[in-house]
Amino acid sequence: QVQVVESGGGLVQPGGSLRLSCSASGSFLSINAMGWYRQAPGNQRDLVARITSENRTLYADSAKGRFTISTDIAKNTVYLQMNSLKPEDTAAYYCNVDTTSRDTISRLTWGQGTQVTVSS
């Protein structure tokens, strides 16, 4: 079983910054990829940024140039540094972790989400 826990959300003014963290723990052999998604009320959950074990990154157009995804492999942790935040970035942010275990090549596990609100 894999546990995923996010932290770092909160209320920030437009133009401000936040850093989200997500840690994976439990029974797995390796992490294939970690990603951040967000979902605003009434909307679908969309990819924000993703990073693979080979350090390949993928960003949504809305995140390019403002957000940076990075990992601390030793801590099984992924970060999302968000700068120049806009009100439209307001959403619940979810972490997704793709792990390999002895009986599963790829298991996707979601965290419980952390709320980001950008407002003056």
C-alpha atoms as a PDB file:
ATOM      1  CA  GLN A   1       0.000   0.000   0.000  1.00  0.00           C
ATOM      2  CA  VAL A   2       1.165   3.508  -0.851  1.00  0.00           C
ATOM      3  CA  GLN A   3       0.363   6.653   1.091  1.00  0.00           C
ATOM      4  CA  VAL A   4       0.604  10.106  -0.456  1.00  0.00           C
ATOM      5  CA  VAL A   5       0.443  13.258   1.642  1.00  0.00           C
ATOM      6  CA  GLU A   6       0.432  16.825   0.362  1.00  0.00           C
ATOM      7  CA  SER A   7       1.138  20.021   2.264  1.00  0.00           C
ATOM      8  CA  GLY A   8       1.855  23.684   1.670  1.00  0.00           C
ATOM      9  CA  GLY A   9      -1.431  25.069   0.434  1.00  0.00           C
ATOM     10  CA  GLY A  10      -2.974  28.245   1.749  1.00  0.00           C
ATOM     11  CA  LEU A  11      -4.174  31.740   1.018  1.00  0.00           C
ATOM     12  CA  VAL A  12      -1.889  34.031  -0.952  1.00  0.00           C
ATOM     13  CA  GLN A  13      -2.284  37.376  -2.671  1.00  0.00           C
ATOM     14  CA  PRO A  14      -2.059  37.690  -6.439  1.00  0.00           C
ATOM     15  CA  GLY A  15       1.572  37.812  -7.489  1.00  0.00           C
ATOM     16  CA  GLY A  16       2.650  35.822  -4.468  1.00  0.00           C
ATOM     17  CA  SER A  17       4.305  32.425  -4.174  1.00  0.00           C
ATOM     18  CA  LEU A  18       3.627  29.082  -2.563  1.00  0.00           C
ATOM     19  CA  ARG A  19       5.553  25.844  -2.377  1.00  0.00           C
ATOM     20  CA  LEU A  20       3.632  22.590  -2.284  1.00  0.00           C
ATOM     21  CA  SER A  21       5.173  19.366  -1.028  1.00  0.00           C
ATOM     22  CA  CYS A  22       4.105  15.783  -1.545  1.00  0.00           C
ATOM     23  CA  SER A  23       5.651  12.736   0.076  1.00  0.00           C
ATOM     24  CA  ALA A  24       5.087   9.093  -0.762  1.00  0.00           C
ATOM     25  CA  SER A  25       5.537   6.273   1.714  1.00  0.00           C
ATOM     26  CA  GLY A  26       4.592   2.641   2.113  1.00  0.00           C
ATOM     27  CA  SER A  27       5.345  -0.530   0.267  1.00  0.00           C
ATOM     28  CA  PHE A  28       6.881   0.034  -3.163  1.00  0.00           C
ATOM     29  CA  LEU A  29      10.155  -0.645  -4.951  1.00  0.00           C
ATOM     30  CA  SER A  30      10.482   2.549  -6.910  1.00  0.00           C
ATOM     31  CA  ILE A  31       8.729   5.695  -8.039  1.00  0.00           C
ATOM     32  CA  ASN A  32       8.166   6.035 -11.768  1.00  0.00           C
ATOM     33  CA  ALA A  33       6.729   9.521 -11.788  1.00  0.00           C
ATOM     34  CA  MET A  34       5.130  12.137  -9.561  1.00  0.00           C
ATOM     35  CA  GLY A  35       2.737  14.813 -10.642  1.00  0.00           C
ATOM     36  CA  TRP A  36       0.568  17.687  -9.522  1.00  0.00           C
ATOM     37  CA  TYR A  37      -3.002  18.150 -10.683  1.00  0.00           C
ATOM     38  CA  ARG A  38      -5.600  20.727  -9.741  1.00  0.00           C
ATOM     39  CA  GLN A  39      -9.343  20.900  -9.656  1.00  0.00           C
ATOM     40  CA  ALA A  40     -11.496  23.968  -9.207  1.00  0.00           C
ATOM     41  CA  PRO A  41     -15.173  23.622  -8.241  1.00  0.00           C
ATOM     42  CA  GLY A  42     -17.226  22.499 -11.224  1.00  0.00           C
ATOM     43  CA  ASN A  43     -14.144  21.706 -13.276  1.00  0.00           C
ATOM     44  CA  GLN A  44     -12.313  18.518 -14.119  1.00  0.00           C
ATOM     45  CA  ARG A  45      -8.994  17.609 -12.565  1.00  0.00           C
ATOM     46  CA  ASP A  46      -6.194  18.786 -14.847  1.00  0.00           C
ATOM     47  CA  LEU A  47      -2.469  18.186 -14.981  1.00  0.00           C
ATOM     48  CA  VAL A  48      -0.316  21.038 -13.698  1.00  0.00           C
ATOM     49  CA  ALA A  49       3.141  19.470 -13.834  1.00  0.00           C
ATOM     50  CA  ARG A  50       4.717  16.024 -13.848  1.00  0.00           C
ATOM     51  CA  ILE A  51       8.229  14.684 -13.398  1.00  0.00           C
ATOM     52  CA  THR A  52       9.535  11.212 -14.146  1.00  0.00           C
ATOM     53  CA  SER A  53      12.267   9.190 -12.495  1.00  0.00           C
ATOM     54  CA  GLU A  54      14.503  10.275 -15.402  1.00  0.00           C
ATOM     55  CA  ASN A  55      13.798  13.905 -14.483  1.00  0.00           C
ATOM     56  CA  ARG A  56      11.698  14.518 -17.563  1.00  0.00           C
ATOM     57  CA  THR A  57       9.172  17.245 -16.858  1.00  0.00           C
ATOM     58  CA  LEU A  58       5.861  18.175 -18.373  1.00  0.00           C
ATOM     59  CA  TYR A  59       3.981  21.380 -17.655  1.00  0.00           C
ATOM     60  CA  ALA A  60       0.538  22.628 -18.494  1.00  0.00           C
ATOM     61  CA  ASP A  61       0.644  25.768 -20.610  1.00  0.00           C
ATOM     62  CA  SER A  62      -0.818  27.722 -17.704  1.00  0.00           C
ATOM     63  CA  ALA A  63       2.101  26.662 -15.487  1.00  0.00           C
ATOM     64  CA  LYS A  64       4.999  27.234 -17.859  1.00  0.00           C
ATOM     65  CA  GLY A  65       7.322  29.996 -16.731  1.00  0.00           C
ATOM     66  CA  ARG A  66       5.645  30.366 -13.338  1.00  0.00           C
ATOM     67  CA  PHE A  67       5.692  26.914 -11.718  1.00  0.00           C
ATOM     68  CA  THR A  68       8.626  24.570 -11.191  1.00  0.00           C
ATOM     69  CA  ILE A  69       8.385  20.897 -10.276  1.00  0.00           C
ATOM     70  CA  SER A  70      11.305  19.173  -8.555  1.00  0.00           C
ATOM     71  CA  THR A  71      12.017  16.086  -6.501  1.00  0.00           C
ATOM     72  CA  ASP A  72      14.048  14.917  -3.543  1.00  0.00           C
ATOM     73  CA  ILE A  73      14.539  11.270  -4.441  1.00  0.00           C
ATOM     74  CA  ALA A  74      15.993  10.347  -1.061  1.00  0.00           C
ATOM     75  CA  LYS A  75      12.828  11.613   0.625  1.00  0.00           C
ATOM     76  CA  ASN A  76      10.373  10.320  -2.017  1.00  0.00           C
ATOM     77  CA  THR A  77       9.127  13.878  -2.181  1.00  0.00           C
ATOM     78  CA  VAL A  78       8.019  16.132  -4.996  1.00  0.00           C
ATOM     79  CA  TYR A  79       7.706  19.903  -4.779  1.00  0.00           C
ATOM     80  CA  LEU A  80       5.779  22.447  -6.788  1.00  0.00           C
ATOM     81  CA  GLN A  81       7.142  25.969  -6.545  1.00  0.00           C
ATOM     82  CA  MET A  82       4.435  28.354  -7.680  1.00  0.00           C
ATOM     83  CA  ASN A  83       5.333  31.970  -8.419  1.00  0.00           C
ATOM     84  CA  SER A  84       3.373  34.896  -9.818  1.00  0.00           C
ATOM     85  CA  LEU A  85       0.155  33.311  -8.657  1.00  0.00           C
ATOM     86  CA  LYS A  86      -3.115  34.428 -10.207  1.00  0.00           C
ATOM     87  CA  PRO A  87      -6.697  34.163  -8.956  1.00  0.00           C
ATOM     88  CA  GLU A  88      -7.334  31.563 -11.656  1.00  0.00           C
ATOM     89  CA  ASP A  89      -4.770  29.306  -9.962  1.00  0.00           C
ATOM     90  CA  THR A  90      -7.230  28.872  -7.107  1.00  0.00           C
ATOM     91  CA  ALA A  91      -8.055  25.184  -6.812  1.00  0.00           C
ATOM     92  CA  ALA A  92      -7.510  22.034  -4.818  1.00  0.00           C
ATOM     93  CA  TYR A  93      -4.105  20.667  -5.756  1.00  0.00           C
ATOM     94  CA  TYR A  94      -3.625  16.918  -5.795  1.00  0.00           C
ATOM     95  CA  CYS A  95      -0.454  14.882  -5.918  1.00  0.00           C
ATOM     96  CA  ASN A  96      -0.314  11.673  -7.939  1.00  0.00           C
ATOM     97  CA  VAL A  97       2.430   9.104  -7.557  1.00  0.00           C
ATOM     98  CA  ASP A  98       3.180   6.240  -9.949  1.00  0.00           C
ATOM     99  CA  THR A  99       4.976   3.414  -8.157  1.00  0.00           C
ATOM    100  CA  THR A 100       6.314  -0.051  -8.938  1.00  0.00           C
ATOM    101  CA  SER A 101       5.971  -2.848  -6.422  1.00  0.00           C
ATOM    102  CA  ARG A 102       6.672  -6.584  -6.449  1.00  0.00           C
ATOM    103  CA  ASP A 103       3.244  -7.378  -7.891  1.00  0.00           C
ATOM    104  CA  THR A 104       2.415  -4.199  -9.811  1.00  0.00           C
ATOM    105  CA  ILE A 105       4.393  -2.476 -12.539  1.00  0.00           C
ATOM    106  CA  SER A 106       2.462   0.755 -12.233  1.00  0.00           C
ATOM    107  CA  ARG A 107       0.166   1.836  -9.418  1.00  0.00           C
ATOM    108  CA  LEU A 108      -1.276   5.341  -9.318  1.00  0.00           C
ATOM    109  CA  THR A 109      -2.001   6.760  -5.896  1.00  0.00           C
ATOM    110  CA  TRP A 110      -3.637  10.100  -5.154  1.00  0.00           C
ATOM    111  CA  GLY A 111      -3.187  12.296  -2.145  1.00  0.00           C
ATOM    112  CA  GLN A 112      -6.044  13.943  -0.301  1.00  0.00           C
ATOM    113  CA  GLY A 113      -5.394  17.362  -1.824  1.00  0.00           C
ATOM    114  CA  THR A 114      -4.354  20.753  -0.520  1.00  0.00           C
ATOM    115  CA  GLN A 115      -6.259  23.964  -1.145  1.00  0.00           C
ATOM    116  CA  VAL A 116      -4.630  26.937  -2.824  1.00  0.00           C
ATOM    117  CA  THR A 117      -6.550  30.207  -2.807  1.00  0.00           C
ATOM    118  CA  VAL A 118      -5.231  33.274  -4.589  1.00  0.00           C
ATOM    119  CA  SER A 119      -7.118  36.354  -3.532  1.00  0.00           C
ATOM    120  CA  SER A 120      -6.559  39.895  -2.332  1.00  0.00           C
END
